[in-house]
Amino acid sequence: MRCTQYFSFIRQRPDRAVIKDEWMLDTVKRPVETEVQSDGRIRKWRLIAEVGKYLRVVLLEDGETVHNAFFDRDLGEGKK
């Protein structure tokens, strides 16, 4: 899985270190919702049953490179 230098750094934080690669890959491949930001980056969400939260993965415009990933606190009703 490719990721940005930013994500490689930010992933060292305790709240990001718990996010498994398999969860990110599953979110990218089988999202429940996808949204393209105005800057071209792509947001994808998937419920991670093990933790009972939605994971948001933000990809660069290429649709493959992970720029960010985190458990989404503000997931709107339309994303479920």
PDB file of N, CA and C in Angstrom:
ATOM      1  N   MET A   1       0.847  -1.172   0.000  1.00  0.00           N
ATOM      2  CA  MET A   1       0.000   0.000   0.000  1.00  0.00           C
ATOM      3  C   MET A   1       0.893   1.236   0.000  1.00  0.00           C
ATOM      4  N   ARG A   2       0.653   2.107  -0.941  1.00  0.00           N
ATOM      5  CA  ARG A   2       1.420   3.350  -1.011  1.00  0.00           C
ATOM      6  C   ARG A   2       0.789   4.385  -0.092  1.00  0.00           C
ATOM      7  N   CYS A   3       1.627   5.233   0.485  1.00  0.00           N
ATOM      8  CA  CYS A   3       1.113   6.319   1.315  1.00  0.00           C
ATOM      9  C   CYS A   3       2.028   7.529   1.184  1.00  0.00           C
ATOM     10  N   THR A   4       1.462   8.674   1.518  1.00  0.00           N
ATOM     11  CA  THR A   4       2.228   9.912   1.454  1.00  0.00           C
ATOM     12  C   THR A   4       3.197   9.985   2.633  1.00  0.00           C
ATOM     13  N   GLN A   5       4.174  10.839   2.507  1.00  0.00           N
ATOM     14  CA  GLN A   5       5.127  11.061   3.587  1.00  0.00           C
ATOM     15  C   GLN A   5       4.389  11.597   4.815  1.00  0.00           C
ATOM     16  N   TYR A   6       3.397  12.444   4.578  1.00  0.00           N
ATOM     17  CA  TYR A   6       2.580  12.981   5.670  1.00  0.00           C
ATOM     18  C   TYR A   6       1.943  11.840   6.463  1.00  0.00           C
ATOM     19  N   PHE A   7       1.314  10.893   5.762  1.00  0.00           N
ATOM     20  CA  PHE A   7       0.644   9.811   6.458  1.00  0.00           C
ATOM     21  C   PHE A   7       1.639   8.903   7.172  1.00  0.00           C
ATOM     22  N   SER A   8       2.780   8.674   6.585  1.00  0.00           N
ATOM     23  CA  SER A   8       3.806   7.863   7.250  1.00  0.00           C
ATOM     24  C   SER A   8       4.192   8.477   8.593  1.00  0.00           C
ATOM     25  N   PHE A   9       4.255   9.805   8.629  1.00  0.00           N
ATOM     26  CA  PHE A   9       4.586  10.511   9.873  1.00  0.00           C
ATOM     27  C   PHE A   9       3.419  10.489  10.851  1.00  0.00           C
ATOM     28  N   ILE A  10       2.243  10.866  10.385  1.00  0.00           N
ATOM     29  CA  ILE A  10       1.074  11.000  11.267  1.00  0.00           C
ATOM     30  C   ILE A  10       0.621   9.647  11.815  1.00  0.00           C
ATOM     31  N   ARG A  11       0.940   8.589  11.114  1.00  0.00           N
ATOM     32  CA  ARG A  11       0.529   7.250  11.542  1.00  0.00           C
ATOM     33  C   ARG A  11       1.233   6.808  12.826  1.00  0.00           C
ATOM     34  N   GLN A  12       2.242   7.514  13.226  1.00  0.00           N
ATOM     35  CA  GLN A  12       2.954   7.197  14.460  1.00  0.00           C
ATOM     36  C   GLN A  12       2.163   7.621  15.702  1.00  0.00           C
ATOM     37  N   ARG A  13       1.161   8.482  15.520  1.00  0.00           N
ATOM     38  CA  ARG A  13       0.336   8.912  16.650  1.00  0.00           C
ATOM     39  C   ARG A  13      -0.453   7.717  17.196  1.00  0.00           C
ATOM     40  N   PRO A  14      -0.663   7.656  18.501  1.00  0.00           N
ATOM     41  CA  PRO A  14      -1.375   6.508  19.090  1.00  0.00           C
ATOM     42  C   PRO A  14      -2.766   6.260  18.501  1.00  0.00           C
ATOM     43  N   ASP A  15      -3.498   7.326  18.183  1.00  0.00           N
ATOM     44  CA  ASP A  15      -4.847   7.142  17.636  1.00  0.00           C
ATOM     45  C   ASP A  15      -4.828   6.626  16.196  1.00  0.00           C
ATOM     46  N   ARG A  16      -3.711   6.770  15.505  1.00  0.00           N
ATOM     47  CA  ARG A  16      -3.594   6.277  14.128  1.00  0.00           C
ATOM     48  C   ARG A  16      -2.861   4.932  14.071  1.00  0.00           C
ATOM     49  N   ALA A  17      -1.997   4.683  15.041  1.00  0.00           N
ATOM     50  CA  ALA A  17      -1.206   3.455  15.050  1.00  0.00           C
ATOM     51  C   ALA A  17      -2.076   2.211  15.189  1.00  0.00           C
ATOM     52  N   VAL A  18      -3.260   2.352  15.767  1.00  0.00           N
ATOM     53  CA  VAL A  18      -4.155   1.201  15.958  1.00  0.00           C
ATOM     54  C   VAL A  18      -4.889   0.795  14.681  1.00  0.00           C
ATOM     55  N   ILE A  19      -4.829   1.626  13.664  1.00  0.00           N
ATOM     56  CA  ILE A  19      -5.522   1.340  12.406  1.00  0.00           C
ATOM     57  C   ILE A  19      -4.712   0.320  11.604  1.00  0.00           C
ATOM     58  N   LYS A  20      -5.324  -0.818  11.372  1.00  0.00           N
ATOM     59  CA  LYS A  20      -4.647  -1.910  10.667  1.00  0.00           C
ATOM     60  C   LYS A  20      -4.652  -1.678   9.157  1.00  0.00           C
ATOM     61  N   ASP A  21      -3.574  -2.127   8.511  1.00  0.00           N
ATOM     62  CA  ASP A  21      -3.484  -2.026   7.050  1.00  0.00           C
ATOM     63  C   ASP A  21      -4.666  -2.722   6.384  1.00  0.00           C
ATOM     64  N   GLU A  22      -5.057  -3.862   6.902  1.00  0.00           N
ATOM     65  CA  GLU A  22      -6.163  -4.615   6.298  1.00  0.00           C
ATOM     66  C   GLU A  22      -7.463  -3.822   6.340  1.00  0.00           C
ATOM     67  N   TRP A  23      -7.669  -3.029   7.397  1.00  0.00           N
ATOM     68  CA  TRP A  23      -8.871  -2.200   7.472  1.00  0.00           C
ATOM     69  C   TRP A  23      -8.834  -1.116   6.395  1.00  0.00           C
ATOM     70  N   MET A  24      -7.668  -0.511   6.202  1.00  0.00           N
ATOM     71  CA  MET A  24      -7.555   0.532   5.176  1.00  0.00           C
ATOM     72  C   MET A  24      -7.759  -0.062   3.783  1.00  0.00           C
ATOM     73  N   LEU A  25      -7.132  -1.194   3.520  1.00  0.00           N
ATOM     74  CA  LEU A  25      -7.284  -1.833   2.209  1.00  0.00           C
ATOM     75  C   LEU A  25      -8.736  -2.209   1.938  1.00  0.00           C
ATOM     76  N   ASP A  26      -9.411  -2.740   2.942  1.00  0.00           N
ATOM     77  CA  ASP A  26     -10.810  -3.114   2.789  1.00  0.00           C
ATOM     78  C   ASP A  26     -11.681  -1.881   2.536  1.00  0.00           C
ATOM     79  N   THR A  27     -11.365  -0.791   3.217  1.00  0.00           N
ATOM     80  CA  THR A  27     -12.108   0.457   3.021  1.00  0.00           C
ATOM     81  C   THR A  27     -11.919   0.989   1.610  1.00  0.00           C
ATOM     82  N   VAL A  28     -10.704   0.910   1.103  1.00  0.00           N
ATOM     83  CA  VAL A  28     -10.421   1.387  -0.259  1.00  0.00           C
ATOM     84  C   VAL A  28     -11.127   0.512  -1.295  1.00  0.00           C
ATOM     85  N   LYS A  29     -11.115  -0.790  -1.080  1.00  0.00           N
ATOM     86  CA  LYS A  29     -11.689  -1.718  -2.059  1.00  0.00           C
ATOM     87  C   LYS A  29     -13.209  -1.845  -1.973  1.00  0.00           C
ATOM     88  N   ARG A  30     -13.761  -1.746  -0.746  1.00  0.00           N
ATOM     89  CA  ARG A  30     -15.199  -1.970  -0.569  1.00  0.00           C
ATOM     90  C   ARG A  30     -15.827  -0.917   0.339  1.00  0.00           C
ATOM     91  N   PRO A  31     -15.784   0.338  -0.064  1.00  0.00           N
ATOM     92  CA  PRO A  31     -16.348   1.394   0.792  1.00  0.00           C
ATOM     93  C   PRO A  31     -17.879   1.349   0.799  1.00  0.00           C
ATOM     94  N   VAL A  32     -18.452   1.852   1.895  1.00  0.00           N
ATOM     95  CA  VAL A  32     -19.907   2.019   1.933  1.00  0.00           C
ATOM     96  C   VAL A  32     -20.300   3.369   1.347  1.00  0.00           C
ATOM     97  N   GLU A  33     -19.314   4.257   1.271  1.00  0.00           N
ATOM     98  CA  GLU A  33     -19.539   5.597   0.711  1.00  0.00           C
ATOM     99  C   GLU A  33     -18.231   6.113   0.148  1.00  0.00           C
ATOM    100  N   THR A  34     -18.323   6.840  -0.952  1.00  0.00           N
ATOM    101  CA  THR A  34     -17.156   7.475  -1.580  1.00  0.00           C
ATOM    102  C   THR A  34     -17.538   8.898  -1.938  1.00  0.00           C
ATOM    103  N   GLU A  35     -16.610   9.801  -1.727  1.00  0.00           N
ATOM    104  CA  GLU A  35     -16.859  11.212  -2.017  1.00  0.00           C
ATOM    105  C   GLU A  35     -15.564  11.827  -2.559  1.00  0.00           C
ATOM    106  N   VAL A  36     -15.667  12.630  -3.598  1.00  0.00           N
ATOM    107  CA  VAL A  36     -14.500  13.317  -4.156  1.00  0.00           C
ATOM    108  C   VAL A  36     -14.499  14.750  -3.633  1.00  0.00           C
ATOM    109  N   GLN A  37     -13.389  15.153  -3.022  1.00  0.00           N
ATOM    110  CA  GLN A  37     -13.249  16.510  -2.506  1.00  0.00           C
ATOM    111  C   GLN A  37     -12.996  17.480  -3.661  1.00  0.00           C
ATOM    112  N   SER A  38     -13.134  18.751  -3.390  1.00  0.00           N
ATOM    113  CA  SER A  38     -12.923  19.769  -4.420  1.00  0.00           C
ATOM    114  C   SER A  38     -11.473  19.790  -4.918  1.00  0.00           C
ATOM    115  N   ASP A  39     -10.538  19.316  -4.102  1.00  0.00           N
ATOM    116  CA  ASP A  39      -9.129  19.282  -4.511  1.00  0.00           C
ATOM    117  C   ASP A  39      -8.769  17.987  -5.243  1.00  0.00           C
ATOM    118  N   GLY A  40      -9.756  17.114  -5.465  1.00  0.00           N
ATOM    119  CA  GLY A  40      -9.525  15.873  -6.198  1.00  0.00           C
ATOM    120  C   GLY A  40      -9.223  14.665  -5.333  1.00  0.00           C
ATOM    121  N   ARG A  41      -8.958  14.898  -4.062  1.00  0.00           N
ATOM    122  CA  ARG A  41      -8.722  13.759  -3.168  1.00  0.00           C
ATOM    123  C   ARG A  41     -10.020  12.994  -2.968  1.00  0.00           C
ATOM    124  N   ILE A  42      -9.882  11.727  -2.649  1.00  0.00           N
ATOM    125  CA  ILE A  42     -11.036  10.835  -2.573  1.00  0.00           C
ATOM    126  C   ILE A  42     -11.195  10.333  -1.142  1.00  0.00           C
ATOM    127  N   ARG A  43     -12.393  10.510  -0.598  1.00  0.00           N
ATOM    128  CA  ARG A  43     -12.712  10.018   0.741  1.00  0.00           C
ATOM    129  C   ARG A  43     -13.505   8.728   0.609  1.00  0.00           C
ATOM    130  N   LYS A  44     -13.143   7.734   1.421  1.00  0.00           N
ATOM    131  CA  LYS A  44     -13.884   6.475   1.436  1.00  0.00           C
ATOM    132  C   LYS A  44     -14.127   6.074   2.886  1.00  0.00           C
ATOM    133  N   TRP A  45     -15.328   5.532   3.137  1.00  0.00           N
ATOM    134  CA  TRP A  45     -15.704   5.111   4.482  1.00  0.00           C
ATOM    135  C   TRP A  45     -16.085   3.642   4.496  1.00  0.00           C
ATOM    136  N   ARG A  46     -15.843   3.009   5.646  1.00  0.00           N
ATOM    137  CA  ARG A  46     -16.290   1.630   5.869  1.00  0.00           C
ATOM    138  C   ARG A  46     -16.394   1.397   7.375  1.00  0.00           C
ATOM    139  N   LEU A  47     -17.438   0.681   7.772  1.00  0.00           N
ATOM    140  CA  LEU A  47     -17.596   0.324   9.175  1.00  0.00           C
ATOM    141  C   LEU A  47     -16.593  -0.773   9.525  1.00  0.00           C
ATOM    142  N   ILE A  48     -15.846  -0.548  10.589  1.00  0.00           N
ATOM    143  CA  ILE A  48     -14.908  -1.548  11.086  1.00  0.00           C
ATOM    144  C   ILE A  48     -15.584  -2.209  12.291  1.00  0.00           C
ATOM    145  N   ALA A  49     -16.113  -3.390  12.071  1.00  0.00           N
ATOM    146  CA  ALA A  49     -16.927  -4.078  13.077  1.00  0.00           C
ATOM    147  C   ALA A  49     -16.167  -4.312  14.386  1.00  0.00           C
ATOM    148  N   GLU A  50     -14.877  -4.610  14.284  1.00  0.00           N
ATOM    149  CA  GLU A  50     -14.088  -4.899  15.488  1.00  0.00           C
ATOM    150  C   GLU A  50     -14.077  -3.752  16.494  1.00  0.00           C
ATOM    151  N   VAL A  51     -14.189  -2.531  16.006  1.00  0.00           N
ATOM    152  CA  VAL A  51     -14.171  -1.373  16.909  1.00  0.00           C
ATOM    153  C   VAL A  51     -15.496  -0.620  16.915  1.00  0.00           C
ATOM    154  N   GLY A  52     -16.416  -0.993  16.044  1.00  0.00           N
ATOM    155  CA  GLY A  52     -17.728  -0.353  16.006  1.00  0.00           C
ATOM    156  C   GLY A  52     -17.693   1.093  15.547  1.00  0.00           C
ATOM    157  N   LYS A  53     -16.736   1.427  14.692  1.00  0.00           N
ATOM    158  CA  LYS A  53     -16.595   2.801  14.194  1.00  0.00           C
ATOM    159  C   LYS A  53     -16.373   2.779  12.689  1.00  0.00           C
ATOM    160  N   TYR A  54     -16.670   3.923  12.068  1.00  0.00           N
ATOM    161  CA  TYR A  54     -16.392   4.076  10.646  1.00  0.00           C
ATOM    162  C   TYR A  54     -14.977   4.602  10.455  1.00  0.00           C
ATOM    163  N   LEU A  55     -14.271   3.983   9.529  1.00  0.00           N
ATOM    164  CA  LEU A  55     -12.932   4.425   9.160  1.00  0.00           C
ATOM    165  C   LEU A  55     -13.044   5.271   7.901  1.00  0.00           C
ATOM    166  N   ARG A  56     -12.418   6.423   7.925  1.00  0.00           N
ATOM    167  CA  ARG A  56     -12.336   7.258   6.722  1.00  0.00           C
ATOM    168  C   ARG A  56     -10.915   7.166   6.199  1.00  0.00           C
ATOM    169  N   VAL A  57     -10.777   6.841   4.927  1.00  0.00           N
ATOM    170  CA  VAL A  57      -9.479   6.810   4.267  1.00  0.00           C
ATOM    171  C   VAL A  57      -9.509   7.867   3.177  1.00  0.00           C
ATOM    172  N   VAL A  58      -8.522   8.744   3.195  1.00  0.00           N
ATOM    173  CA  VAL A  58      -8.413   9.802   2.189  1.00  0.00           C
ATOM    174  C   VAL A  58      -7.274   9.439   1.252  1.00  0.00           C
ATOM    175  N   LEU A  59      -7.603   9.338  -0.023  1.00  0.00           N
ATOM    176  CA  LEU A  59      -6.629   8.978  -1.057  1.00  0.00           C
ATOM    177  C   LEU A  59      -6.279  10.196  -1.895  1.00  0.00           C
ATOM    178  N   LEU A  60      -5.092  10.175  -2.472  1.00  0.00           N
ATOM    179  CA  LEU A  60      -4.745  11.206  -3.456  1.00  0.00           C
ATOM    180  C   LEU A  60      -5.562  10.971  -4.717  1.00  0.00           C
ATOM    181  N   GLU A  61      -5.446  11.874  -5.646  1.00  0.00           N
ATOM    182  CA  GLU A  61      -6.215  11.833  -6.886  1.00  0.00           C
ATOM    183  C   GLU A  61      -6.018  10.546  -7.676  1.00  0.00           C
ATOM    184  N   ASP A  62      -4.894   9.857  -7.457  1.00  0.00           N
ATOM    185  CA  ASP A  62      -4.627   8.620  -8.191  1.00  0.00           C
ATOM    186  C   ASP A  62      -5.508   7.456  -7.727  1.00  0.00           C
ATOM    187  N   GLY A  63      -6.219   7.645  -6.606  1.00  0.00           N
ATOM    188  CA  GLY A  63      -7.118   6.623  -6.103  1.00  0.00           C
ATOM    189  C   GLY A  63      -6.420   5.456  -5.427  1.00  0.00           C
ATOM    190  N   GLU A  64      -5.106   5.555  -5.220  1.00  0.00           N
ATOM    191  CA  GLU A  64      -4.336   4.461  -4.626  1.00  0.00           C
ATOM    192  C   GLU A  64      -3.482   4.876  -3.434  1.00  0.00           C
ATOM    193  N   THR A  65      -2.988   6.091  -3.444  1.00  0.00           N
ATOM    194  CA  THR A  65      -2.058   6.543  -2.414  1.00  0.00           C
ATOM    195  C   THR A  65      -2.817   7.095  -1.213  1.00  0.00           C
ATOM    196  N   VAL A  66      -2.588   6.483  -0.040  1.00  0.00           N
ATOM    197  CA  VAL A  66      -3.260   6.914   1.186  1.00  0.00           C
ATOM    198  C   VAL A  66      -2.603   8.187   1.710  1.00  0.00           C
ATOM    199  N   HIS A  67      -3.421   9.217   1.905  1.00  0.00           N
ATOM    200  CA  HIS A  67      -2.939  10.476   2.459  1.00  0.00           C
ATOM    201  C   HIS A  67      -3.317  10.604   3.935  1.00  0.00           C
ATOM    202  N   ASN A  68      -4.420   9.962   4.334  1.00  0.00           N
ATOM    203  CA  ASN A  68      -4.855  10.038   5.719  1.00  0.00           C
ATOM    204  C   ASN A  68      -5.833   8.902   5.991  1.00  0.00           C
ATOM    205  N   ALA A  69      -5.937   8.504   7.236  1.00  0.00           N
ATOM    206  CA  ALA A  69      -6.914   7.502   7.657  1.00  0.00           C
ATOM    207  C   ALA A  69      -7.183   7.716   9.135  1.00  0.00           C
ATOM    208  N   PHE A  70      -8.461   7.717   9.489  1.00  0.00           N
ATOM    209  CA  PHE A  70      -8.829   7.938  10.887  1.00  0.00           C
ATOM    210  C   PHE A  70     -10.255   7.477  11.112  1.00  0.00           C
ATOM    211  N   PHE A  71     -10.592   7.228  12.390  1.00  0.00           N
ATOM    212  CA  PHE A  71     -11.958   6.883  12.734  1.00  0.00           C
ATOM    213  C   PHE A  71     -12.756   8.170  12.741  1.00  0.00           C
ATOM    214  N   ASP A  72     -13.838   8.177  11.989  1.00  0.00           N
ATOM    215  CA  ASP A  72     -14.617   9.379  11.731  1.00  0.00           C
ATOM    216  C   ASP A  72     -15.666   9.608  12.811  1.00  0.00           C
ATOM    217  N   ARG A  73     -15.518  10.678  13.564  1.00  0.00           N
ATOM    218  CA  ARG A  73     -16.480  11.035  14.606  1.00  0.00           C
ATOM    219  C   ARG A  73     -17.699  11.736  14.052  1.00  0.00           C
ATOM    220  N   ASP A  74     -17.554  12.379  12.913  1.00  0.00           N
ATOM    221  CA  ASP A  74     -18.621  13.214  12.365  1.00  0.00           C
ATOM    222  C   ASP A  74     -19.297  12.573  11.170  1.00  0.00           C
ATOM    223  N   LEU A  75     -19.371  11.272  11.164  1.00  0.00           N
ATOM    224  CA  LEU A  75     -19.984  10.591  10.031  1.00  0.00           C
ATOM    225  C   LEU A  75     -21.465  10.942   9.976  1.00  0.00           C
ATOM    226  N   GLY A  76     -21.875  11.535   8.869  1.00  0.00           N
ATOM    227  CA  GLY A  76     -23.271  11.939   8.707  1.00  0.00           C
ATOM    228  C   GLY A  76     -24.179  10.753   8.458  1.00  0.00           C
ATOM    229  N   GLU A  77     -25.443  10.936   8.660  1.00  0.00           N
ATOM    230  CA  GLU A  77     -26.428   9.875   8.481  1.00  0.00           C
ATOM    231  C   GLU A  77     -26.396   9.327   7.050  1.00  0.00           C
ATOM    232  N   GLY A  78     -26.072  10.159   6.079  1.00  0.00           N
ATOM    233  CA  GLY A  78     -26.058   9.733   4.692  1.00  0.00           C
ATOM    234  C   GLY A  78     -24.933   8.766   4.367  1.00  0.00           C
ATOM    235  N   LYS A  79     -23.988   8.600   5.259  1.00  0.00           N
ATOM    236  CA  LYS A  79     -22.835   7.744   4.996  1.00  0.00           C
ATOM    237  C   LYS A  79     -23.035   6.317   5.523  1.00  0.00           C
ATOM    238  N   LYS A  80     -24.106   6.090   6.251  1.00  0.00           N
ATOM    239  CA  LYS A  80     -24.281   4.769   6.891  1.00  0.00           C
ATOM    240  C   LYS A  80     -24.968   3.782   6.030  1.00  0.00           C
TER     241      LYS A  80
END
